[in-house]
Amino acid sequence: GPAYVFYLAESMIEAGVHLGLTRATATELVVQTLA
């Protein structure tokens, strides 16, 4: 199961970057949202 969650996190971060966010900002948003 953790791998599925990490896969989701990867996908959301990449989508955030595609939408114009910096990678650092996208990562912070996604990690805290999941947690």
All heavy atoms as atom14 arrays in JSON, in Angstrom:
{
  "sequence": "GPAYVFYLAESMIEAGVHLGLTRATATELVVQTLA",
  "atom14_mask": [
    [1, 1, 1, 1, 0, 0, 0, 0, 0, 0, 0, 0, 0, 0],
    [1, 1, 1, 1, 1, 1, 1, 0, 0, 0, 0, 0, 0, 0],
    [1, 1, 1, 1, 1, 0, 0, 0, 0, 0, 0, 0, 0, 0],
    [1, 1, 1, 1, 1, 1, 1, 1, 1, 1, 1, 1, 0, 0],
    [1, 1, 1, 1, 1, 1, 1, 0, 0, 0, 0, 0, 0, 0],
    [1, 1, 1, 1, 1, 1, 1, 1, 1, 1, 1, 0, 0, 0],
    [1, 1, 1, 1, 1, 1, 1, 1, 1, 1, 1, 1, 0, 0],
    [1, 1, 1, 1, 1, 1, 1, 1, 0, 0, 0, 0, 0, 0],
    [1, 1, 1, 1, 1, 0, 0, 0, 0, 0, 0, 0, 0, 0],
    [1, 1, 1, 1, 1, 1, 1, 1, 1, 0, 0, 0, 0, 0],
    [1, 1, 1, 1, 1, 1, 0, 0, 0, 0, 0, 0, 0, 0],
    [1, 1, 1, 1, 1, 1, 1, 1, 0, 0, 0, 0, 0, 0],
    [1, 1, 1, 1, 1, 1, 1, 1, 0, 0, 0, 0, 0, 0],
    [1, 1, 1, 1, 1, 1, 1, 1, 1, 0, 0, 0, 0, 0],
    [1, 1, 1, 1, 1, 0, 0, 0, 0, 0, 0, 0, 0, 0],
    [1, 1, 1, 1, 0, 0, 0, 0, 0, 0, 0, 0, 0, 0],
    [1, 1, 1, 1, 1, 1, 1, 0, 0, 0, 0, 0, 0, 0],
    [1, 1, 1, 1, 1, 1, 1, 1, 1, 1, 0, 0, 0, 0],
    [1, 1, 1, 1, 1, 1, 1, 1, 0, 0, 0, 0, 0, 0],
    [1, 1, 1, 1, 0, 0, 0, 0, 0, 0, 0, 0, 0, 0],
    [1, 1, 1, 1, 1, 1, 1, 1, 0, 0, 0, 0, 0, 0],
    [1, 1, 1, 1, 1, 1, 1, 0, 0, 0, 0, 0, 0, 0],
    [1, 1, 1, 1, 1, 1, 1, 1, 1, 1, 1, 0, 0, 0],
    [1, 1, 1, 1, 1, 0, 0, 0, 0, 0, 0, 0, 0, 0],
    [1, 1, 1, 1, 1, 1, 1, 0, 0, 0, 0, 0, 0, 0],
    [1, 1, 1, 1, 1, 0, 0, 0, 0, 0, 0, 0, 0, 0],
    [1, 1, 1, 1, 1, 1, 1, 0, 0, 0, 0, 0, 0, 0],
    [1, 1, 1, 1, 1, 1, 1, 1, 1, 0, 0, 0, 0, 0],
    [1, 1, 1, 1, 1, 1, 1, 1, 0, 0, 0, 0, 0, 0],
    [1, 1, 1, 1, 1, 1, 1, 0, 0, 0, 0, 0, 0, 0],
    [1, 1, 1, 1, 1, 1, 1, 0, 0, 0, 0, 0, 0, 0],
    [1, 1, 1, 1, 1, 1, 1, 1, 1, 0, 0, 0, 0, 0],
    [1, 1, 1, 1, 1, 1, 1, 0, 0, 0, 0, 0, 0, 0],
    [1, 1, 1, 1, 1, 1, 1, 1, 0, 0, 0, 0, 0, 0],
    [1, 1, 1, 1, 1, 0, 0, 0, 0, 0, 0, 0, 0, 0]
  ],
  "atom14_positions": [
    [[0.77, -1.24, 0.0], [0.0, 0.0, 0.0], [0.8, 1.29, 0.0], [0.44, 2.23, -0.73], [0.0, 0.0, 0.0], [0.0, 0.0, 0.0], [0.0, 0.0, 0.0], [0.0, 0.0, 0.0], [0.0, 0.0, 0.0], [0.0, 0.0, 0.0], [0.0, 0.0, 0.0], [0.0, 0.0, 0.0], [0.0, 0.0, 0.0], [0.0, 0.0, 0.0]],
    [[1.88, 1.4, 0.81], [2.63, 2.65, 0.78], [3.12, 3.04, -0.62], [3.16, 4.22, -0.96], [3.8, 2.37, 1.73], [3.24, 1.39, 2.71], [2.34, 0.5, 1.88], [0.0, 0.0, 0.0], [0.0, 0.0, 0.0], [0.0, 0.0, 0.0], [0.0, 0.0, 0.0], [0.0, 0.0, 0.0], [0.0, 0.0, 0.0], [0.0, 0.0, 0.0]],
    [[3.46, 2.04, -1.44], [3.92, 2.35, -2.79], [2.83, 3.02, -3.61], [3.1, 3.92, -4.42], [4.4, 1.08, -3.49], [0.0, 0.0, 0.0], [0.0, 0.0, 0.0], [0.0, 0.0, 0.0], [0.0, 0.0, 0.0], [0.0, 0.0, 0.0], [0.0, 0.0, 0.0], [0.0, 0.0, 0.0], [0.0, 0.0, 0.0], [0.0, 0.0, 0.0]],
    [[1.57, 2.61, -3.4], [0.48, 3.24, -4.14], [0.34, 4.71, -3.73], [0.09, 5.59, -4.57], [-0.86, 2.54, -3.88], [-0.84, 1.03, -3.91], [-1.68, 0.3, -3.08], [0.02, 0.33, -4.75], [-1.68, -1.08, -3.1], [0.03, -1.06, -4.77], [-0.82, -1.76, -3.93], [-0.82, -3.12, -3.93], [0.0, 0.0, 0.0], [0.0, 0.0, 0.0]],
    [[0.49, 4.96, -2.43], [0.38, 6.34, -1.93], [1.52, 7.19, -2.48], [1.32, 8.34, -2.9], [0.36, 6.36, -0.4], [0.33, 7.8, 0.13], [-0.85, 5.58, 0.13], [0.0, 0.0, 0.0], [0.0, 0.0, 0.0], [0.0, 0.0, 0.0], [0.0, 0.0, 0.0], [0.0, 0.0, 0.0], [0.0, 0.0, 0.0], [0.0, 0.0, 0.0]],
    [[2.73, 6.63, -2.49], [3.88, 7.38, -3.02], [3.71, 7.63, -4.52], [4.11, 8.69, -5.02], [5.18, 6.62, -2.75], [5.43, 6.35, -1.28], [6.08, 5.19, -0.88], [5.02, 7.24, -0.3], [6.31, 4.93, 0.46], [5.24, 6.99, 1.05], [5.9, 5.83, 1.43], [0.0, 0.0, 0.0], [0.0, 0.0, 0.0], [0.0, 0.0, 0.0]],
    [[3.12, 6.68, -5.21], [2.85, 6.84, -6.64], [1.86, 7.98, -6.86], [2.01, 8.8, -7.78], [2.31, 5.53, -7.2], [2.09, 5.49, -8.69], [3.14, 5.21, -9.56], [0.83, 5.72, -9.23], [2.94, 5.15, -10.92], [0.62, 5.67, -10.6], [1.67, 5.38, -11.44], [1.47, 5.33, -12.79], [0.0, 0.0, 0.0], [0.0, 0.0, 0.0]],
    [[0.83, 8.03, -6.01], [-0.14, 9.12, -6.08], [0.54, 10.46, -5.81], [0.29, 11.45, -6.51], [-1.27, 8.89, -5.07], [-2.29, 10.02, -4.9], [-3.02, 10.28, -6.21], [-3.26, 9.69, -3.78], [0.0, 0.0, 0.0], [0.0, 0.0, 0.0], [0.0, 0.0, 0.0], [0.0, 0.0, 0.0], [0.0, 0.0, 0.0], [0.0, 0.0, 0.0]],
    [[1.42, 10.47, -4.79], [2.14, 11.71, -4.46], [2.99, 12.17, -5.64], [3.0, 13.36, -6.0], [3.01, 11.5, -3.23], [0.0, 0.0, 0.0], [0.0, 0.0, 0.0], [0.0, 0.0, 0.0], [0.0, 0.0, 0.0], [0.0, 0.0, 0.0], [0.0, 0.0, 0.0], [0.0, 0.0, 0.0], [0.0, 0.0, 0.0], [0.0, 0.0, 0.0]],
    [[3.72, 11.23, -6.25], [4.51, 11.57, -7.44], [3.65, 12.2, -8.52], [4.01, 13.23, -9.12], [5.15, 10.3, -8.01], [6.33, 9.74, -7.28], [6.87, 8.53, -8.03], [6.37, 7.41, -7.77], [7.75, 8.7, -8.89], [0.0, 0.0, 0.0], [0.0, 0.0, 0.0], [0.0, 0.0, 0.0], [0.0, 0.0, 0.0], [0.0, 0.0, 0.0]],
    [[2.51, 11.57, -8.79], [1.64, 12.03, -9.86], [1.09, 13.42, -9.58], [1.02, 14.28, -10.48], [0.49, 11.04, -10.05], [0.97, 9.75, -10.36], [0.0, 0.0, 0.0], [0.0, 0.0, 0.0], [0.0, 0.0, 0.0], [0.0, 0.0, 0.0], [0.0, 0.0, 0.0], [0.0, 0.0, 0.0], [0.0, 0.0, 0.0], [0.0, 0.0, 0.0]],
    [[0.68, 13.66, -8.33], [0.14, 14.98, -7.98], [1.21, 16.06, -8.04], [0.95, 17.19, -8.48], [-0.49, 14.91, -6.58], [-1.77, 14.08, -6.52], [-2.46, 13.96, -4.85], [-2.95, 15.68, -4.56], [0.0, 0.0, 0.0], [0.0, 0.0, 0.0], [0.0, 0.0, 0.0], [0.0, 0.0, 0.0], [0.0, 0.0, 0.0], [0.0, 0.0, 0.0]],
    [[2.43, 15.73, -7.61], [3.52, 16.71, -7.66], [3.83, 17.07, -9.11], [3.98, 18.26, -9.46], [4.77, 16.16, -6.95], [4.53, 16.11, -5.44], [5.99, 17.03, -7.26], [5.57, 15.32, -4.67], [0.0, 0.0, 0.0], [0.0, 0.0, 0.0], [0.0, 0.0, 0.0], [0.0, 0.0, 0.0], [0.0, 0.0, 0.0], [0.0, 0.0, 0.0]],
    [[3.92, 16.06, -9.98], [4.21, 16.33, -11.38], [3.09, 17.16, -12.02], [3.36, 18.05, -12.84], [4.39, 15.01, -12.14], [5.64, 14.23, -11.76], [6.91, 15.04, -11.95], [7.0, 15.79, -12.95], [7.8, 14.94, -11.08], [0.0, 0.0, 0.0], [0.0, 0.0, 0.0], [0.0, 0.0, 0.0], [0.0, 0.0, 0.0], [0.0, 0.0, 0.0]],
    [[1.85, 16.89, -11.63], [0.74, 17.67, -12.15], [0.84, 19.12, -11.68], [0.58, 20.06, -12.46], [-0.58, 17.06, -11.7], [0.0, 0.0, 0.0], [0.0, 0.0, 0.0], [0.0, 0.0, 0.0], [0.0, 0.0, 0.0], [0.0, 0.0, 0.0], [0.0, 0.0, 0.0], [0.0, 0.0, 0.0], [0.0, 0.0, 0.0], [0.0, 0.0, 0.0]],
    [[1.23, 19.31, -10.41], [1.39, 20.67, -9.89], [2.45, 21.45, -10.65], [2.27, 22.64, -10.96], [0.0, 0.0, 0.0], [0.0, 0.0, 0.0], [0.0, 0.0, 0.0], [0.0, 0.0, 0.0], [0.0, 0.0, 0.0], [0.0, 0.0, 0.0], [0.0, 0.0, 0.0], [0.0, 0.0, 0.0], [0.0, 0.0, 0.0], [0.0, 0.0, 0.0]],
    [[3.56, 20.78, -10.96], [4.61, 21.44, -11.74], [4.1, 21.78, -13.13], [4.35, 22.88, -13.66], [5.85, 20.52, -11.82], [6.89, 21.09, -12.79], [6.47, 20.33, -10.44], [0.0, 0.0, 0.0], [0.0, 0.0, 0.0], [0.0, 0.0, 0.0], [0.0, 0.0, 0.0], [0.0, 0.0, 0.0], [0.0, 0.0, 0.0], [0.0, 0.0, 0.0]],
    [[3.36, 20.87, -13.72], [2.78, 21.11, -15.05], [1.84, 22.31, -15.03], [1.75, 23.06, -16.02], [2.03, 19.86, -15.52], [1.35, 20.01, -16.83], [2.03, 20.01, -18.04], [0.03, 20.18, -17.15], [1.17, 20.17, -19.02], [-0.06, 20.28, -18.52], [0.0, 0.0, 0.0], [0.0, 0.0, 0.0], [0.0, 0.0, 0.0], [0.0, 0.0, 0.0]],
    [[1.16, 22.53, -13.89], [0.22, 23.64, -13.77], [0.9, 24.96, -13.41], [0.24, 25.98, -13.25], [-0.85, 23.3, -12.72], [-1.78, 22.14, -13.08], [-2.68, 21.8, -11.9], [-2.61, 22.48, -14.33], [0.0, 0.0, 0.0], [0.0, 0.0, 0.0], [0.0, 0.0, 0.0], [0.0, 0.0, 0.0], [0.0, 0.0, 0.0], [0.0, 0.0, 0.0]],
    [[2.24, 24.94, -13.24], [2.98, 26.18, -13.04], [3.58, 26.38, -11.67], [4.23, 27.4, -11.42], [0.0, 0.0, 0.0], [0.0, 0.0, 0.0], [0.0, 0.0, 0.0], [0.0, 0.0, 0.0], [0.0, 0.0, 0.0], [0.0, 0.0, 0.0], [0.0, 0.0, 0.0], [0.0, 0.0, 0.0], [0.0, 0.0, 0.0], [0.0, 0.0, 0.0]],
    [[3.39, 25.43, -10.74], [3.99, 25.55, -9.42], [5.46, 25.15, -9.47], [5.87, 24.34, -10.31], [3.26, 24.65, -8.42], [1.79, 24.93, -8.17], [1.18, 23.84, -7.3], [1.6, 26.3, -7.52], [0.0, 0.0, 0.0], [0.0, 0.0, 0.0], [0.0, 0.0, 0.0], [0.0, 0.0, 0.0], [0.0, 0.0, 0.0], [0.0, 0.0, 0.0]],
    [[6.26, 25.69, -8.56], [7.62, 25.19, -8.43], [7.56, 23.79, -7.84], [6.58, 23.42, -7.16], [8.47, 26.07, -7.51], [7.96, 25.99, -6.17], [8.47, 27.53, -7.97], [0.0, 0.0, 0.0], [0.0, 0.0, 0.0], [0.0, 0.0, 0.0], [0.0, 0.0, 0.0], [0.0, 0.0, 0.0], [0.0, 0.0, 0.0], [0.0, 0.0, 0.0]],
    [[8.59, 22.99, -8.07], [8.59, 21.62, -7.55], [8.56, 21.62, -6.02], [7.89, 20.8, -5.41], [9.8, 20.85, -8.07], [9.8, 19.38, -7.66], [10.83, 18.59, -8.45], [10.54, 18.6, -9.88], [9.69, 17.77, -10.47], [9.04, 16.86, -9.75], [9.48, 17.84, -11.78], [0.0, 0.0, 0.0], [0.0, 0.0, 0.0], [0.0, 0.0, 0.0]],
    [[9.27, 22.56, -5.42], [9.29, 22.63, -3.96], [7.91, 22.94, -3.41], [7.45, 22.33, -2.42], [10.3, 23.67, -3.49], [0.0, 0.0, 0.0], [0.0, 0.0, 0.0], [0.0, 0.0, 0.0], [0.0, 0.0, 0.0], [0.0, 0.0, 0.0], [0.0, 0.0, 0.0], [0.0, 0.0, 0.0], [0.0, 0.0, 0.0], [0.0, 0.0, 0.0]],
    [[7.22, 23.9, -4.03], [5.87, 24.26, -3.57], [4.89, 23.12, -3.8], [4.09, 22.78, -2.92], [5.38, 25.52, -4.3], [6.24, 26.62, -3.97], [3.96, 25.87, -3.89], [0.0, 0.0, 0.0], [0.0, 0.0, 0.0], [0.0, 0.0, 0.0], [0.0, 0.0, 0.0], [0.0, 0.0, 0.0], [0.0, 0.0, 0.0], [0.0, 0.0, 0.0]],
    [[4.96, 22.5, -4.97], [4.07, 21.38, -5.26], [4.29, 20.24, -4.27], [3.33, 19.63, -3.79], [4.29, 20.9, -6.69], [0.0, 0.0, 0.0], [0.0, 0.0, 0.0], [0.0, 0.0, 0.0], [0.0, 0.0, 0.0], [0.0, 0.0, 0.0], [0.0, 0.0, 0.0], [0.0, 0.0, 0.0], [0.0, 0.0, 0.0], [0.0, 0.0, 0.0]],
    [[5.55, 19.96, -3.96], [5.86, 18.89, -3.01], [5.31, 19.18, -1.63], [4.69, 18.32, -0.99], [7.38, 18.67, -2.94], [7.87, 18.31, -4.24], [7.73, 17.58, -1.95], [0.0, 0.0, 0.0], [0.0, 0.0, 0.0], [0.0, 0.0, 0.0], [0.0, 0.0, 0.0], [0.0, 0.0, 0.0], [0.0, 0.0, 0.0], [0.0, 0.0, 0.0]],
    [[5.51, 20.41, -1.16], [4.99, 20.78, 0.16], [3.46, 20.67, 0.2], [2.89, 20.13, 1.16], [5.41, 22.2, 0.52], [4.94, 22.64, 1.9], [5.37, 24.04, 2.26], [5.88, 24.77, 1.37], [5.2, 24.43, 3.43], [0.0, 0.0, 0.0], [0.0, 0.0, 0.0], [0.0, 0.0, 0.0], [0.0, 0.0, 0.0], [0.0, 0.0, 0.0]],
    [[2.8, 21.15, -0.83], [1.34, 21.1, -0.88], [0.83, 19.66, -0.88], [-0.11, 19.3, -0.15], [0.83, 21.82, -2.13], [1.01, 23.34, -2.18], [0.65, 23.87, -3.57], [0.17, 24.03, -1.12], [0.0, 0.0, 0.0], [0.0, 0.0, 0.0], [0.0, 0.0, 0.0], [0.0, 0.0, 0.0], [0.0, 0.0, 0.0], [0.0, 0.0, 0.0]],
    [[1.43, 18.83, -1.68], [0.97, 17.44, -1.81], [1.24, 16.64, -0.55], [0.36, 15.92, -0.04], [1.62, 16.77, -3.04], [1.34, 15.26, -3.04], [1.1, 17.4, -4.32], [0.0, 0.0, 0.0], [0.0, 0.0, 0.0], [0.0, 0.0, 0.0], [0.0, 0.0, 0.0], [0.0, 0.0, 0.0], [0.0, 0.0, 0.0], [0.0, 0.0, 0.0]],
    [[2.47, 16.73, -0.02], [2.82, 15.94, 1.16], [1.92, 16.28, 2.34], [1.38, 15.39, 3.02], [4.3, 16.14, 1.52], [4.61, 15.52, 2.88], [5.2, 15.52, 0.45], [0.0, 0.0, 0.0], [0.0, 0.0, 0.0], [0.0, 0.0, 0.0], [0.0, 0.0, 0.0], [0.0, 0.0, 0.0], [0.0, 0.0, 0.0], [0.0, 0.0, 0.0]],
    [[1.73, 17.57, 2.59], [0.89, 17.94, 3.73], [-0.58, 17.61, 3.48], [-1.31, 17.23, 4.4], [1.03, 19.42, 4.05], [0.24, 19.88, 5.27], [0.54, 19.07, 6.53], [1.67, 18.63, 6.73], [-0.47, 18.86, 7.38], [0.0, 0.0, 0.0], [0.0, 0.0, 0.0], [0.0, 0.0, 0.0], [0.0, 0.0, 0.0], [0.0, 0.0, 0.0]],
    [[-1.03, 17.73, 2.24], [-2.41, 17.36, 1.92], [-2.65, 15.87, 2.18], [-3.68, 15.48, 2.76], [-2.74, 17.71, 0.47], [-2.64, 19.13, 0.31], [-4.15, 17.27, 0.09], [0.0, 0.0, 0.0], [0.0, 0.0, 0.0], [0.0, 0.0, 0.0], [0.0, 0.0, 0.0], [0.0, 0.0, 0.0], [0.0, 0.0, 0.0], [0.0, 0.0, 0.0]],
    [[-1.71, 15.02, 1.75], [-1.85, 13.59, 1.99], [-1.78, 13.26, 3.48], [-2.58, 12.47, 3.99], [-0.76, 12.82, 1.23], [-0.89, 12.79, -0.29], [0.31, 12.09, -0.91], [-2.16, 12.08, -0.71], [0.0, 0.0, 0.0], [0.0, 0.0, 0.0], [0.0, 0.0, 0.0], [0.0, 0.0, 0.0], [0.0, 0.0, 0.0], [0.0, 0.0, 0.0]],
    [[-0.83, 13.88, 4.18], [-0.69, 13.61, 5.62], [-1.93, 14.08, 6.38], [-2.46, 13.38, 7.25], [0.56, 14.3, 6.17], [0.0, 0.0, 0.0], [0.0, 0.0, 0.0], [0.0, 0.0, 0.0], [0.0, 0.0, 0.0], [0.0, 0.0, 0.0], [0.0, 0.0, 0.0], [0.0, 0.0, 0.0], [0.0, 0.0, 0.0], [0.0, 0.0, 0.0]]
  ]
}
